[in-house]
């Protein structure tokens, strides 16, 4: 099993930047793909970005539109999401995810491990 704990959320103004972190523990030696999702009230959890453990291949949702960057530091078992140019519509709970495959790039269904989420609120 893998445990995931997100941090770094908060209240920011439109146009600001924010970096989210996700600390992984447990079976971190396994080559999990890690990623970020978000869920706003009344909406489905949507994929944002993912990164493979070795090789560092990255995947992004089209609507991220170059504003978000995913990275990971395996030695620290930590995943990051750097967000810039934040907009009020980015307000959501942001979740860290881990899965043995890149299937998460097609959606939240079937993802093996989730964190509890961190709230991001962007004011206009």
Protein backbone atom coordinates (compact mmCIF):
# COMPACT_ATOMS: atom_id res chain seq x y z
CA UNK A 1 0.00 0.00 0.00
CA UNK A 2 0.93 3.61 -0.53
CA UNK A 3 -0.13 6.50 1.69
CA UNK A 4 -0.36 9.97 0.17
CA UNK A 5 -0.58 13.29 2.02
CA UNK A 6 -1.08 16.55 0.15
CA UNK A 7 -0.09 20.00 1.37
CA UNK A 8 0.34 23.51 0.05
CA UNK A 9 -3.24 24.52 -0.65
CA UNK A 10 -4.71 27.80 0.48
CA UNK A 11 -6.42 31.02 -0.50
CA UNK A 12 -4.75 33.05 -3.23
CA UNK A 13 -5.72 35.87 -5.57
CA UNK A 14 -6.26 35.42 -9.28
CA UNK A 15 -2.99 35.43 -11.19
CA UNK A 16 -1.00 34.05 -8.29
CA UNK A 17 1.16 30.93 -8.24
CA UNK A 18 1.01 28.04 -5.83
CA UNK A 19 2.96 24.82 -5.38
CA UNK A 20 1.26 21.72 -4.05
CA UNK A 21 3.22 18.86 -2.53
CA UNK A 22 2.37 15.21 -2.00
CA UNK A 23 4.38 13.08 0.40
CA UNK A 24 4.28 9.36 -0.28
CA UNK A 25 5.00 6.60 2.22
CA UNK A 26 4.63 2.85 2.31
CA UNK A 27 5.58 0.84 -0.77
CA UNK A 28 7.29 3.76 -2.45
CA UNK A 29 9.90 1.47 -3.99
CA UNK A 30 7.31 0.29 -6.50
CA UNK A 31 7.32 2.12 -9.87
CA UNK A 32 4.05 3.94 -9.36
CA UNK A 33 2.82 6.56 -11.73
CA UNK A 34 1.81 9.58 -9.68
CA UNK A 35 -0.56 12.32 -10.60
CA UNK A 36 -2.84 15.17 -9.64
CA UNK A 37 -6.60 15.48 -9.91
CA UNK A 38 -9.02 18.11 -8.73
CA UNK A 39 -12.67 18.23 -7.84
CA UNK A 40 -14.84 21.31 -7.54
CA UNK A 41 -18.20 21.16 -5.75
CA UNK A 42 -20.82 19.40 -7.82
CA UNK A 43 -18.35 18.17 -10.43
CA UNK A 44 -16.50 14.94 -11.13
CA UNK A 45 -12.90 14.47 -10.15
CA UNK A 46 -10.82 15.46 -13.17
CA UNK A 47 -7.33 14.51 -14.24
CA UNK A 48 -4.71 17.27 -14.35
CA UNK A 49 -1.27 15.74 -14.75
CA UNK A 50 0.76 12.58 -14.23
CA UNK A 51 4.41 11.56 -14.19
CA UNK A 52 6.13 8.18 -14.43
CA UNK A 53 8.64 7.16 -11.81
CA UNK A 54 11.53 6.32 -14.13
CA UNK A 55 12.15 8.23 -17.31
CA UNK A 56 10.12 11.16 -16.07
CA UNK A 57 7.47 11.07 -18.78
CA UNK A 58 4.74 13.59 -18.10
CA UNK A 59 1.13 13.79 -19.18
CA UNK A 60 -1.20 16.79 -18.96
CA UNK A 61 -4.86 17.44 -19.49
CA UNK A 62 -5.42 19.81 -22.38
CA UNK A 63 -7.23 22.33 -20.20
CA UNK A 64 -4.12 22.72 -18.01
CA UNK A 65 -2.87 24.72 -20.97
CA UNK A 66 0.73 25.04 -19.86
CA UNK A 67 -0.11 26.68 -16.53
CA UNK A 68 0.65 23.64 -14.38
CA UNK A 69 3.90 21.66 -14.11
CA UNK A 70 4.21 18.27 -12.44
CA UNK A 71 7.47 16.98 -11.00
CA UNK A 72 8.69 14.42 -8.51
CA UNK A 73 11.74 13.83 -6.35
CA UNK A 74 11.96 10.08 -5.87
CA UNK A 75 14.66 10.31 -3.23
CA UNK A 76 12.26 12.34 -1.09
CA UNK A 77 9.16 10.38 -2.14
CA UNK A 78 7.52 13.69 -2.99
CA UNK A 79 5.35 14.82 -5.87
CA UNK A 80 4.78 18.45 -6.78
CA UNK A 81 2.35 20.49 -8.81
CA UNK A 82 3.48 24.01 -9.66
CA UNK A 83 0.51 26.14 -10.65
CA UNK A 84 0.72 29.59 -12.14
CA UNK A 85 -1.75 32.13 -13.47
CA UNK A 86 -4.42 30.79 -11.17
CA UNK A 87 -8.03 31.62 -11.98
CA UNK A 88 -11.17 31.49 -9.84
CA UNK A 89 -12.27 28.43 -11.83
CA UNK A 90 -9.22 26.60 -10.48
CA UNK A 91 -10.88 26.59 -7.07
CA UNK A 92 -11.21 22.96 -6.03
CA UNK A 93 -9.91 20.23 -3.80
CA UNK A 94 -6.68 18.92 -5.30
CA UNK A 95 -5.87 15.24 -4.89
CA UNK A 96 -2.66 13.29 -5.24
CA UNK A 97 -2.94 9.86 -6.85
CA UNK A 98 -0.74 6.83 -7.39
CA UNK A 99 -1.28 3.86 -9.67
CA UNK A 100 0.83 1.13 -11.27
CA UNK A 101 -0.05 2.34 -14.77
CA UNK A 102 -0.77 5.51 -16.72
CA UNK A 103 -4.48 4.62 -16.81
CA UNK A 104 -5.12 7.60 -14.54
CA UNK A 105 -4.60 9.83 -17.57
CA UNK A 106 -7.99 8.60 -18.78
CA UNK A 107 -9.79 9.46 -15.56
CA UNK A 108 -10.21 8.83 -11.87
CA UNK A 109 -11.93 5.44 -12.09
CA UNK A 110 -9.72 2.61 -11.00
CA UNK A 111 -6.92 4.68 -9.51
CA UNK A 112 -5.41 2.60 -6.73
CA UNK A 113 -4.36 5.19 -4.16
CA UNK A 114 -5.59 8.64 -3.22
CA UNK A 115 -4.64 11.31 -0.76
CA UNK A 116 -7.29 13.14 1.23
CA UNK A 117 -6.87 16.33 -0.75
CA UNK A 118 -5.86 19.93 -0.16
CA UNK A 119 -8.14 22.90 -0.75
CA UNK A 120 -7.22 25.61 -3.22
CA UNK A 121 -9.35 28.74 -3.36
CA UNK A 122 -8.67 31.45 -5.93
CA UNK A 123 -10.36 34.78 -5.36
CA UNK A 124 -11.13 37.23 -8.16
